[in-house]
Amino acid sequence: MISTLQELYTALTAITGFEHKVAYQSFPEDQAVDLPVIVYEVVRSDNFGGDNVVYHPINQIEVQLYTVNKDLTSEAALEAALKGAGIFWNKTETYLPDERCYQIIYEFSL
């Protein structure tokens, strides 16, 4: 089971075809790569605590898959990696007309 951002990064870069196509939050402009790519980030926290103390930090993570066309193969590979890591996720999908690509967002707690 994955419990750190480093372990998540390792699992994402282990997906066939994504070895150099994974970045935290965004790719630097001088290192942009062709789609499909995976971007992940901590979007907020939902910590467990009491008495003004965080007993268990919980980060809410988004893993975003960007593809030129609807890419069921890349989606299936990413979903298999998340499942293999013991992650329960929820998914949303949208088309970004200005960027001319699909954005699939997987949300989960880590």
PDB file of N, CA and C in Angstrom:
ATOM      1  N   MET A   1       0.839  -1.177   0.000  1.00  0.00           N
ATOM      2  CA  MET A   1       0.000   0.000   0.000  1.00  0.00           C
ATOM      3  C   MET A   1       0.888   1.245   0.000  1.00  0.00           C
ATOM      4  N   ILE A   2       0.567   2.173  -0.861  1.00  0.00           N
ATOM      5  CA  ILE A   2       1.328   3.412  -0.982  1.00  0.00           C
ATOM      6  C   ILE A   2       0.939   4.367   0.142  1.00  0.00           C
ATOM      7  N   SER A   3       1.958   5.018   0.741  1.00  0.00           N
ATOM      8  CA  SER A   3       1.650   5.970   1.807  1.00  0.00           C
ATOM      9  C   SER A   3       2.403   7.291   1.673  1.00  0.00           C
ATOM     10  N   THR A   4       3.284   7.407   0.673  1.00  0.00           N
ATOM     11  CA  THR A   4       4.038   8.652   0.491  1.00  0.00           C
ATOM     12  C   THR A   4       3.978   9.106  -0.966  1.00  0.00           C
ATOM     13  N   LEU A   5       4.285  10.381  -1.178  1.00  0.00           N
ATOM     14  CA  LEU A   5       4.320  10.907  -2.543  1.00  0.00           C
ATOM     15  C   LEU A   5       5.429  10.254  -3.361  1.00  0.00           C
ATOM     16  N   GLN A   6       6.547   9.929  -2.729  1.00  0.00           N
ATOM     17  CA  GLN A   6       7.640   9.265  -3.443  1.00  0.00           C
ATOM     18  C   GLN A   6       7.205   7.886  -3.932  1.00  0.00           C
ATOM     19  N   GLU A   7       6.489   7.148  -3.102  1.00  0.00           N
ATOM     20  CA  GLU A   7       5.984   5.830  -3.509  1.00  0.00           C
ATOM     21  C   GLU A   7       4.968   5.974  -4.637  1.00  0.00           C
ATOM     22  N   LEU A   8       4.140   7.018  -4.578  1.00  0.00           N
ATOM     23  CA  LEU A   8       3.178   7.267  -5.660  1.00  0.00           C
ATOM     24  C   LEU A   8       3.918   7.560  -6.955  1.00  0.00           C
ATOM     25  N   TYR A   9       4.929   8.416  -6.901  1.00  0.00           N
ATOM     26  CA  TYR A   9       5.723   8.735  -8.080  1.00  0.00           C
ATOM     27  C   TYR A   9       6.352   7.472  -8.674  1.00  0.00           C
ATOM     28  N   THR A  10       6.901   6.631  -7.822  1.00  0.00           N
ATOM     29  CA  THR A  10       7.517   5.385  -8.289  1.00  0.00           C
ATOM     30  C   THR A  10       6.492   4.498  -8.978  1.00  0.00           C
ATOM     31  N   ALA A  11       5.297   4.387  -8.416  1.00  0.00           N
ATOM     32  CA  ALA A  11       4.246   3.565  -9.024  1.00  0.00           C
ATOM     33  C   ALA A  11       3.805   4.137 -10.369  1.00  0.00           C
ATOM     34  N   LEU A  12       3.696   5.455 -10.468  1.00  0.00           N
ATOM     35  CA  LEU A  12       3.252   6.080 -11.719  1.00  0.00           C
ATOM     36  C   LEU A  12       4.306   5.956 -12.813  1.00  0.00           C
ATOM     37  N   THR A  13       5.578   6.130 -12.471  1.00  0.00           N
ATOM     38  CA  THR A  13       6.624   6.022 -13.493  1.00  0.00           C
ATOM     39  C   THR A  13       6.885   4.583 -13.901  1.00  0.00           C
ATOM     40  N   ALA A  14       6.363   3.630 -13.140  1.00  0.00           N
ATOM     41  CA  ALA A  14       6.514   2.216 -13.495  1.00  0.00           C
ATOM     42  C   ALA A  14       5.495   1.786 -14.549  1.00  0.00           C
ATOM     43  N   ILE A  15       4.505   2.632 -14.839  1.00  0.00           N
ATOM     44  CA  ILE A  15       3.512   2.305 -15.868  1.00  0.00           C
ATOM     45  C   ILE A  15       4.208   2.342 -17.223  1.00  0.00           C
ATOM     46  N   THR A  16       4.051   1.301 -18.003  1.00  0.00           N
ATOM     47  CA  THR A  16       4.688   1.225 -19.319  1.00  0.00           C
ATOM     48  C   THR A  16       4.328   2.444 -20.161  1.00  0.00           C
ATOM     49  N   GLY A  17       5.357   3.097 -20.690  1.00  0.00           N
ATOM     50  CA  GLY A  17       5.161   4.272 -21.531  1.00  0.00           C
ATOM     51  C   GLY A  17       5.184   5.591 -20.781  1.00  0.00           C
ATOM     52  N   PHE A  18       5.204   5.568 -19.453  1.00  0.00           N
ATOM     53  CA  PHE A  18       5.168   6.800 -18.676  1.00  0.00           C
ATOM     54  C   PHE A  18       6.445   7.024 -17.859  1.00  0.00           C
ATOM     55  N   GLU A  19       7.514   6.332 -18.192  1.00  0.00           N
ATOM     56  CA  GLU A  19       8.745   6.406 -17.423  1.00  0.00           C
ATOM     57  C   GLU A  19       9.245   7.840 -17.267  1.00  0.00           C
ATOM     58  N   HIS A  20       9.113   8.669 -18.301  1.00  0.00           N
ATOM     59  CA  HIS A  20       9.596  10.051 -18.260  1.00  0.00           C
ATOM     60  C   HIS A  20       8.463  11.041 -18.496  1.00  0.00           C
ATOM     61  N   LYS A  21       7.245  10.597 -18.229  1.00  0.00           N
ATOM     62  CA  LYS A  21       6.084  11.438 -18.499  1.00  0.00           C
ATOM     63  C   LYS A  21       5.235  11.662 -17.259  1.00  0.00           C
ATOM     64  N   VAL A  22       5.874  11.759 -16.097  1.00  0.00           N
ATOM     65  CA  VAL A  22       5.180  11.988 -14.836  1.00  0.00           C
ATOM     66  C   VAL A  22       5.831  13.186 -14.157  1.00  0.00           C
ATOM     67  N   ALA A  23       5.001  14.119 -13.679  1.00  0.00           N
ATOM     68  CA  ALA A  23       5.537  15.302 -12.992  1.00  0.00           C
ATOM     69  C   ALA A  23       4.630  15.681 -11.838  1.00  0.00           C
ATOM     70  N   TYR A  24       5.224  16.322 -10.841  1.00  0.00           N
ATOM     71  CA  TYR A  24       4.429  16.876  -9.752  1.00  0.00           C
ATOM     72  C   TYR A  24       3.945  18.251 -10.180  1.00  0.00           C
ATOM     73  N   GLN A  25       2.650  18.445 -10.207  1.00  0.00           N
ATOM     74  CA  GLN A  25       1.930  19.678 -10.508  1.00  0.00           C
ATOM     75  C   GLN A  25       2.023  20.124 -11.960  1.00  0.00           C
ATOM     76  N   SER A  26       3.210  20.193 -12.552  1.00  0.00           N
ATOM     77  CA  SER A  26       3.317  20.577 -13.959  1.00  0.00           C
ATOM     78  C   SER A  26       4.731  20.267 -14.447  1.00  0.00           C
ATOM     79  N   PHE A  27       4.871  20.226 -15.757  1.00  0.00           N
ATOM     80  CA  PHE A  27       6.193  20.074 -16.350  1.00  0.00           C
ATOM     81  C   PHE A  27       6.788  21.461 -16.543  1.00  0.00           C
ATOM     82  N   PRO A  28       8.079  21.641 -16.275  1.00  0.00           N
ATOM     83  CA  PRO A  28       8.705  22.925 -16.612  1.00  0.00           C
ATOM     84  C   PRO A  28       8.573  23.170 -18.116  1.00  0.00           C
ATOM     85  N   GLU A  29       8.425  24.426 -18.507  1.00  0.00           N
ATOM     86  CA  GLU A  29       8.217  24.740 -19.925  1.00  0.00           C
ATOM     87  C   GLU A  29       9.318  24.188 -20.811  1.00  0.00           C
ATOM     88  N   ASP A  30      10.551  24.179 -20.334  1.00  0.00           N
ATOM     89  CA  ASP A  30      11.657  23.685 -21.152  1.00  0.00           C
ATOM     90  C   ASP A  30      11.768  22.162 -21.136  1.00  0.00           C
ATOM     91  N   GLN A  31      10.871  21.482 -20.383  1.00  0.00           N
ATOM     92  CA  GLN A  31      10.886  20.023 -20.328  1.00  0.00           C
ATOM     93  C   GLN A  31       9.543  19.417 -20.743  1.00  0.00           C
ATOM     94  N   ALA A  32       8.737  20.173 -21.447  1.00  0.00           N
ATOM     95  CA  ALA A  32       7.426  19.672 -21.863  1.00  0.00           C
ATOM     96  C   ALA A  32       7.592  18.441 -22.746  1.00  0.00           C
ATOM     97  N   VAL A  33       6.711  17.478 -22.564  1.00  0.00           N
ATOM     98  CA  VAL A  33       6.748  16.243 -23.348  1.00  0.00           C
ATOM     99  C   VAL A  33       5.414  16.064 -24.058  1.00  0.00           C
ATOM    100  N   ASP A  34       5.418  15.214 -25.078  1.00  0.00           N
ATOM    101  CA  ASP A  34       4.194  14.934 -25.821  1.00  0.00           C
ATOM    102  C   ASP A  34       3.205  14.153 -24.964  1.00  0.00           C
ATOM    103  N   LEU A  35       1.929  14.354 -25.239  1.00  0.00           N
ATOM    104  CA  LEU A  35       0.875  13.595 -24.562  1.00  0.00           C
ATOM    105  C   LEU A  35       0.886  12.157 -25.048  1.00  0.00           C
ATOM    106  N   PRO A  36       0.487  11.216 -24.203  1.00  0.00           N
ATOM    107  CA  PRO A  36      -0.118  11.358 -22.883  1.00  0.00           C
ATOM    108  C   PRO A  36       0.925  11.605 -21.794  1.00  0.00           C
ATOM    109  N   VAL A  37       0.485  12.337 -20.748  1.00  0.00           N
ATOM    110  CA  VAL A  37       1.315  12.582 -19.577  1.00  0.00           C
ATOM    111  C   VAL A  37       0.465  12.416 -18.326  1.00  0.00           C
ATOM    112  N   ILE A  38       1.157  12.238 -17.201  1.00  0.00           N
ATOM    113  CA  ILE A  38       0.506  12.151 -15.886  1.00  0.00           C
ATOM    114  C   ILE A  38       1.086  13.246 -15.007  1.00  0.00           C
ATOM    115  N   VAL A  39       0.189  13.986 -14.367  1.00  0.00           N
ATOM    116  CA  VAL A  39       0.573  15.017 -13.407  1.00  0.00           C
ATOM    117  C   VAL A  39      -0.147  14.688 -12.109  1.00  0.00           C
ATOM    118  N   TYR A  40       0.560  14.809 -10.988  1.00  0.00           N
ATOM    119  CA  TYR A  40      -0.076  14.533  -9.701  1.00  0.00           C
ATOM    120  C   TYR A  40       0.245  15.665  -8.734  1.00  0.00           C
ATOM    121  N   GLU A  41      -0.637  15.860  -7.745  1.00  0.00           N
ATOM    122  CA  GLU A  41      -0.403  16.901  -6.755  1.00  0.00           C
ATOM    123  C   GLU A  41      -1.288  16.717  -5.533  1.00  0.00           C
ATOM    124  N   VAL A  42      -0.850  17.314  -4.432  1.00  0.00           N
ATOM    125  CA  VAL A  42      -1.662  17.393  -3.223  1.00  0.00           C
ATOM    126  C   VAL A  42      -2.547  18.621  -3.397  1.00  0.00           C
ATOM    127  N   VAL A  43      -3.869  18.428  -3.334  1.00  0.00           N
ATOM    128  CA  VAL A  43      -4.780  19.551  -3.545  1.00  0.00           C
ATOM    129  C   VAL A  43      -5.306  20.136  -2.240  1.00  0.00           C
ATOM    130  N   ARG A  44      -5.276  19.358  -1.173  1.00  0.00           N
ATOM    131  CA  ARG A  44      -5.690  19.832   0.149  1.00  0.00           C
ATOM    132  C   ARG A  44      -5.401  18.722   1.155  1.00  0.00           C
ATOM    133  N   SER A  45      -5.598  19.026   2.428  1.00  0.00           N
ATOM    134  CA  SER A  45      -5.464  17.987   3.439  1.00  0.00           C
ATOM    135  C   SER A  45      -6.796  17.801   4.152  1.00  0.00           C
ATOM    136  N   ASP A  46      -6.980  16.638   4.718  1.00  0.00           N
ATOM    137  CA  ASP A  46      -8.177  16.294   5.483  1.00  0.00           C
ATOM    138  C   ASP A  46      -7.701  15.488   6.689  1.00  0.00           C
ATOM    139  N   ASN A  47      -6.911  16.136   7.533  1.00  0.00           N
ATOM    140  CA  ASN A  47      -6.220  15.451   8.616  1.00  0.00           C
ATOM    141  C   ASN A  47      -7.161  14.966   9.714  1.00  0.00           C
ATOM    142  N   PHE A  48      -6.722  13.918  10.404  1.00  0.00           N
ATOM    143  CA  PHE A  48      -7.431  13.399  11.573  1.00  0.00           C
ATOM    144  C   PHE A  48      -6.713  13.903  12.808  1.00  0.00           C
ATOM    145  N   GLY A  49      -7.469  14.465  13.731  1.00  0.00           N
ATOM    146  CA  GLY A  49      -6.823  14.969  14.923  1.00  0.00           C
ATOM    147  C   GLY A  49      -7.813  15.284  16.015  1.00  0.00           C
ATOM    148  N   GLY A  50      -7.292  15.815  17.064  1.00  0.00           N
ATOM    149  CA  GLY A  50      -8.085  16.239  18.201  1.00  0.00           C
ATOM    150  C   GLY A  50      -7.222  16.993  19.174  1.00  0.00           C
ATOM    151  N   ASP A  51      -7.848  17.789  20.036  1.00  0.00           N
ATOM    152  CA  ASP A  51      -7.126  18.583  21.034  1.00  0.00           C
ATOM    153  C   ASP A  51      -6.049  19.443  20.382  1.00  0.00           C
ATOM    154  N   ASN A  52      -6.361  19.983  19.201  1.00  0.00           N
ATOM    155  CA  ASN A  52      -5.449  20.867  18.470  1.00  0.00           C
ATOM    156  C   ASN A  52      -4.168  20.185  18.001  1.00  0.00           C
ATOM    157  N   VAL A  53      -4.216  18.868  17.802  1.00  0.00           N
ATOM    158  CA  VAL A  53      -3.055  18.105  17.349  1.00  0.00           C
ATOM    159  C   VAL A  53      -3.462  17.244  16.156  1.00  0.00           C
ATOM    160  N   VAL A  54      -2.624  17.220  15.121  1.00  0.00           N
ATOM    161  CA  VAL A  54      -2.842  16.317  13.990  1.00  0.00           C
ATOM    162  C   VAL A  54      -2.270  14.965  14.376  1.00  0.00           C
ATOM    163  N   TYR A  55      -3.144  13.975  14.512  1.00  0.00           N
ATOM    164  CA  TYR A  55      -2.688  12.622  14.860  1.00  0.00           C
ATOM    165  C   TYR A  55      -2.320  11.824  13.621  1.00  0.00           C
ATOM    166  N   HIS A  56      -3.043  12.090  12.549  1.00  0.00           N
ATOM    167  CA  HIS A  56      -2.790  11.345  11.319  1.00  0.00           C
ATOM    168  C   HIS A  56      -2.998  12.279  10.128  1.00  0.00           C
ATOM    169  N   PRO A  57      -1.914  12.721   9.476  1.00  0.00           N
ATOM    170  CA  PRO A  57      -2.077  13.593   8.313  1.00  0.00           C
ATOM    171  C   PRO A  57      -2.635  12.810   7.131  1.00  0.00           C
ATOM    172  N   ILE A  58      -3.607  13.394   6.458  1.00  0.00           N
ATOM    173  CA  ILE A  58      -4.217  12.765   5.290  1.00  0.00           C
ATOM    174  C   ILE A  58      -4.218  13.788   4.155  1.00  0.00           C
ATOM    175  N   ASN A  59      -3.505  13.496   3.086  1.00  0.00           N
ATOM    176  CA  ASN A  59      -3.460  14.374   1.923  1.00  0.00           C
ATOM    177  C   ASN A  59      -4.469  13.908   0.880  1.00  0.00           C
ATOM    178  N   GLN A  60      -5.170  14.867   0.306  1.00  0.00           N
ATOM    179  CA  GLN A  60      -6.069  14.591  -0.803  1.00  0.00           C
ATOM    180  C   GLN A  60      -5.256  14.797  -2.084  1.00  0.00           C
ATOM    181  N   ILE A  61      -5.182  13.752  -2.884  1.00  0.00           N
ATOM    182  CA  ILE A  61      -4.320  13.724  -4.070  1.00  0.00           C
ATOM    183  C   ILE A  61      -5.170  13.740  -5.331  1.00  0.00           C
ATOM    184  N   GLU A  62      -4.676  14.427  -6.350  1.00  0.00           N
ATOM    185  CA  GLU A  62      -5.227  14.323  -7.699  1.00  0.00           C
ATOM    186  C   GLU A  62      -4.127  13.810  -8.612  1.00  0.00           C
ATOM    187  N   VAL A  63      -4.449  12.765  -9.351  1.00  0.00           N
ATOM    188  CA  VAL A  63      -3.591  12.294 -10.429  1.00  0.00           C
ATOM    189  C   VAL A  63      -4.342  12.597 -11.714  1.00  0.00           C
ATOM    190  N   GLN A  64      -3.715  13.374 -12.580  1.00  0.00           N
ATOM    191  CA  GLN A  64      -4.362  13.828 -13.805  1.00  0.00           C
ATOM    192  C   GLN A  64      -3.684  13.198 -15.016  1.00  0.00           C
ATOM    193  N   LEU A  65      -4.483  12.553 -15.839  1.00  0.00           N
ATOM    194  CA  LEU A  65      -4.003  11.958 -17.083  1.00  0.00           C
ATOM    195  C   LEU A  65      -4.459  12.855 -18.229  1.00  0.00           C
ATOM    196  N   TYR A  66      -3.516  13.309 -19.046  1.00  0.00           N
ATOM    197  CA  TYR A  66      -3.824  14.146 -20.201  1.00  0.00           C
ATOM    198  C   TYR A  66      -3.530  13.359 -21.472  1.00  0.00           C
ATOM    199  N   THR A  67      -4.529  13.308 -22.378  1.00  0.00           N
ATOM    200  CA  THR A  67      -4.377  12.582 -23.633  1.00  0.00           C
ATOM    201  C   THR A  67      -4.959  13.399 -24.783  1.00  0.00           C
ATOM    202  N   VAL A  68      -4.427  13.208 -25.984  1.00  0.00           N
ATOM    203  CA  VAL A  68      -4.942  13.914 -27.158  1.00  0.00           C
ATOM    204  C   VAL A  68      -6.315  13.376 -27.521  1.00  0.00           C
ATOM    205  N   ASN A  69      -6.448  12.063 -27.548  1.00  0.00           N
ATOM    206  CA  ASN A  69      -7.718  11.392 -27.839  1.00  0.00           C
ATOM    207  C   ASN A  69      -8.136  10.581 -26.621  1.00  0.00           C
ATOM    208  N   LYS A  70      -9.369  10.148 -26.603  1.00  0.00           N
ATOM    209  CA  LYS A  70      -9.813   9.253 -25.542  1.00  0.00           C
ATOM    210  C   LYS A  70      -8.925   8.012 -25.604  1.00  0.00           C
ATOM    211  N   ASP A  71      -8.154   7.765 -24.546  1.00  0.00           N
ATOM    212  CA  ASP A  71      -7.125   6.726 -24.560  1.00  0.00           C
ATOM    213  C   ASP A  71      -7.435   5.680 -23.486  1.00  0.00           C
ATOM    214  N   LEU A  72      -8.248   4.700 -23.847  1.00  0.00           N
ATOM    215  CA  LEU A  72      -8.657   3.670 -22.897  1.00  0.00           C
ATOM    216  C   LEU A  72      -7.479   2.831 -22.409  1.00  0.00           C
ATOM    217  N   THR A  73      -6.469   2.650 -23.235  1.00  0.00           N
ATOM    218  CA  THR A  73      -5.296   1.869 -22.842  1.00  0.00           C
ATOM    219  C   THR A  73      -4.531   2.569 -21.724  1.00  0.00           C
ATOM    220  N   SER A  74      -4.288   3.871 -21.868  1.00  0.00           N
ATOM    221  CA  SER A  74      -3.587   4.618 -20.821  1.00  0.00           C
ATOM    222  C   SER A  74      -4.415   4.680 -19.542  1.00  0.00           C
ATOM    223  N   GLU A  75      -5.722   4.875 -19.683  1.00  0.00           N
ATOM    224  CA  GLU A  75      -6.593   4.891 -18.509  1.00  0.00           C
ATOM    225  C   GLU A  75      -6.544   3.554 -17.775  1.00  0.00           C
ATOM    226  N   ALA A  76      -6.636   2.467 -18.524  1.00  0.00           N
ATOM    227  CA  ALA A  76      -6.611   1.138 -17.908  1.00  0.00           C
ATOM    228  C   ALA A  76      -5.277   0.880 -17.209  1.00  0.00           C
ATOM    229  N   ALA A  77      -4.178   1.310 -17.824  1.00  0.00           N
ATOM    230  CA  ALA A  77      -2.856   1.111 -17.213  1.00  0.00           C
ATOM    231  C   ALA A  77      -2.730   1.911 -15.919  1.00  0.00           C
ATOM    232  N   LEU A  78      -3.198   3.151 -15.926  1.00  0.00           N
ATOM    233  CA  LEU A  78      -3.147   3.976 -14.722  1.00  0.00           C
ATOM    234  C   LEU A  78      -4.045   3.403 -13.635  1.00  0.00           C
ATOM    235  N   GLU A  79      -5.241   2.984 -14.005  1.00  0.00           N
ATOM    236  CA  GLU A  79      -6.166   2.402 -13.031  1.00  0.00           C
ATOM    237  C   GLU A  79      -5.621   1.107 -12.443  1.00  0.00           C
ATOM    238  N   ALA A  80      -4.952   0.307 -13.257  1.00  0.00           N
ATOM    239  CA  ALA A  80      -4.343  -0.929 -12.753  1.00  0.00           C
ATOM    240  C   ALA A  80      -3.219  -0.613 -11.765  1.00  0.00           C
ATOM    241  N   ALA A  81      -2.437   0.431 -12.059  1.00  0.00           N
ATOM    242  CA  ALA A  81      -1.362   0.815 -11.149  1.00  0.00           C
ATOM    243  C   ALA A  81      -1.923   1.303  -9.810  1.00  0.00           C
ATOM    244  N   LEU A  82      -2.995   2.088  -9.856  1.00  0.00           N
ATOM    245  CA  LEU A  82      -3.614   2.564  -8.621  1.00  0.00           C
ATOM    246  C   LEU A  82      -4.221   1.404  -7.832  1.00  0.00           C
ATOM    247  N   LYS A  83      -4.888   0.495  -8.531  1.00  0.00           N
ATOM    248  CA  LYS A  83      -5.467  -0.676  -7.870  1.00  0.00           C
ATOM    249  C   LYS A  83      -4.377  -1.541  -7.253  1.00  0.00           C
ATOM    250  N   GLY A  84      -3.294  -1.756  -7.998  1.00  0.00           N
ATOM    251  CA  GLY A  84      -2.183  -2.559  -7.502  1.00  0.00           C
ATOM    252  C   GLY A  84      -1.514  -1.942  -6.282  1.00  0.00           C
ATOM    253  N   ALA A  85      -1.634  -0.610  -6.150  1.00  0.00           N
ATOM    254  CA  ALA A  85      -1.063   0.088  -5.004  1.00  0.00           C
ATOM    255  C   ALA A  85      -2.031   0.161  -3.833  1.00  0.00           C
ATOM    256  N   GLY A  86      -3.207  -0.448  -3.998  1.00  0.00           N
ATOM    257  CA  GLY A  86      -4.189  -0.456  -2.922  1.00  0.00           C
ATOM    258  C   GLY A  86      -4.910   0.864  -2.745  1.00  0.00           C
ATOM    259  N   ILE A  87      -5.047   1.624  -3.828  1.00  0.00           N
ATOM    260  CA  ILE A  87      -5.676   2.946  -3.757  1.00  0.00           C
ATOM    261  C   ILE A  87      -7.112   2.868  -4.255  1.00  0.00           C
ATOM    262  N   PHE A  88      -8.039   3.367  -3.434  1.00  0.00           N
ATOM    263  CA  PHE A  88      -9.436   3.537  -3.841  1.00  0.00           C
ATOM    264  C   PHE A  88      -9.571   4.953  -4.393  1.00  0.00           C
ATOM    265  N   TRP A  89      -9.995   5.078  -5.645  1.00  0.00           N
ATOM    266  CA  TRP A  89     -10.040   6.373  -6.304  1.00  0.00           C
ATOM    267  C   TRP A  89     -11.430   6.646  -6.869  1.00  0.00           C
ATOM    268  N   ASN A  90     -11.684   7.920  -7.115  1.00  0.00           N
ATOM    269  CA  ASN A  90     -12.848   8.377  -7.865  1.00  0.00           C
ATOM    270  C   ASN A  90     -12.335   9.136  -9.070  1.00  0.00           C
ATOM    271  N   LYS A  91     -13.107   9.115 -10.158  1.00  0.00           N
ATOM    272  CA  LYS A  91     -12.613   9.614 -11.435  1.00  0.00           C
ATOM    273  C   LYS A  91     -13.599  10.604 -12.042  1.00  0.00           C
ATOM    274  N   THR A  92     -13.071  11.695 -12.617  1.00  0.00           N
ATOM    275  CA  THR A  92     -13.859  12.616 -13.421  1.00  0.00           C
ATOM    276  C   THR A  92     -13.121  12.838 -14.735  1.00  0.00           C
ATOM    277  N   GLU A  93     -13.867  13.194 -15.741  1.00  0.00           N
ATOM    278  CA  GLU A  93     -13.281  13.375 -17.070  1.00  0.00           C
ATOM    279  C   GLU A  93     -13.847  14.627 -17.710  1.00  0.00           C
ATOM    280  N   THR A  94     -12.993  15.346 -18.417  1.00  0.00           N
ATOM    281  CA  THR A  94     -13.444  16.522 -19.157  1.00  0.00           C
ATOM    282  C   THR A  94     -12.567  16.703 -20.389  1.00  0.00           C
ATOM    283  N   TYR A  95     -13.106  17.403 -21.371  1.00  0.00           N
ATOM    284  CA  TYR A  95     -12.320  17.778 -22.538  1.00  0.00           C
ATOM    285  C   TYR A  95     -11.948  19.238 -22.377  1.00  0.00           C
ATOM    286  N   LEU A  96     -10.671  19.565 -22.578  1.00  0.00           N
ATOM    287  CA  LEU A  96     -10.185  20.939 -22.465  1.00  0.00           C
ATOM    288  C   LEU A  96     -10.017  21.516 -23.866  1.00  0.00           C
ATOM    289  N   PRO A  97     -11.005  22.261 -24.357  1.00  0.00           N
ATOM    290  CA  PRO A  97     -10.962  22.723 -25.752  1.00  0.00           C
ATOM    291  C   PRO A  97      -9.776  23.641 -26.056  1.00  0.00           C
ATOM    292  N   ASP A  98      -9.374  24.487 -25.122  1.00  0.00           N
ATOM    293  CA  ASP A  98      -8.242  25.385 -25.388  1.00  0.00           C
ATOM    294  C   ASP A  98      -6.935  24.622 -25.561  1.00  0.00           C
ATOM    295  N   GLU A  99      -6.783  23.515 -24.824  1.00  0.00           N
ATOM    296  CA  GLU A  99      -5.575  22.695 -24.941  1.00  0.00           C
ATOM    297  C   GLU A  99      -5.745  21.544 -25.931  1.00  0.00           C
ATOM    298  N   ARG A 100      -6.988  21.334 -26.370  1.00  0.00           N
ATOM    299  CA  ARG A 100      -7.312  20.243 -27.311  1.00  0.00           C
ATOM    300  C   ARG A 100      -6.877  18.893 -26.780  1.00  0.00           C
ATOM    301  N   CYS A 101      -7.260  18.616 -25.528  1.00  0.00           N
ATOM    302  CA  CYS A 101      -6.925  17.324 -24.944  1.00  0.00           C
ATOM    303  C   CYS A 101      -7.964  16.947 -23.897  1.00  0.00           C
ATOM    304  N   TYR A 102      -7.922  15.666 -23.540  1.00  0.00           N
ATOM    305  CA  TYR A 102      -8.771  15.147 -22.470  1.00  0.00           C
ATOM    306  C   TYR A 102      -7.997  15.195 -21.163  1.00  0.00           C
ATOM    307  N   GLN A 103      -8.725  15.467 -20.091  1.00  0.00           N
ATOM    308  CA  GLN A 103      -8.159  15.444 -18.746  1.00  0.00           C
ATOM    309  C   GLN A 103      -8.987  14.464 -17.921  1.00  0.00           C
ATOM    310  N   ILE A 104      -8.341  13.410 -17.446  1.00  0.00           N
ATOM    311  CA  ILE A 104      -8.978  12.434 -16.565  1.00  0.00           C
ATOM    312  C   ILE A 104      -8.360  12.642 -15.191  1.00  0.00           C
ATOM    313  N   ILE A 105      -9.197  12.919 -14.183  1.00  0.00           N
ATOM    314  CA  ILE A 105      -8.702  13.179 -12.837  1.00  0.00           C
ATOM    315  C   ILE A 105      -9.104  12.033 -11.923  1.00  0.00           C
ATOM    316  N   TYR A 106      -8.108  11.463 -11.254  1.00  0.00           N
ATOM    317  CA  TYR A 106      -8.317  10.427 -10.242  1.00  0.00           C
ATOM    318  C   TYR A 106      -8.064  11.075  -8.885  1.00  0.00           C
ATOM    319  N   GLU A 107      -9.047  11.010  -7.995  1.00  0.00           N
ATOM    320  CA  GLU A 107      -8.926  11.618  -6.672  1.00  0.00           C
ATOM    321  C   GLU A 107      -8.937  10.536  -5.592  1.00  0.00           C
ATOM    322  N   PHE A 108      -8.047  10.719  -4.610  1.00  0.00           N
ATOM    323  CA  PHE A 108      -7.980   9.758  -3.498  1.00  0.00           C
ATOM    324  C   PHE A 108      -7.227  10.372  -2.330  1.00  0.00           C
ATOM    325  N   SER A 109      -7.265   9.694  -1.203  1.00  0.00           N
ATOM    326  CA  SER A 109      -6.556  10.127  -0.005  1.00  0.00           C
ATOM    327  C   SER A 109      -5.280   9.308   0.164  1.00  0.00           C
ATOM    328  N   LEU A 110      -4.258   9.960   0.688  1.00  0.00           N
ATOM    329  CA  LEU A 110      -2.976   9.290   0.898  1.00  0.00           C
ATOM    330  C   LEU A 110      -2.458   9.659   2.282  1.00  0.00           C
TER     331      LEU A 110
END
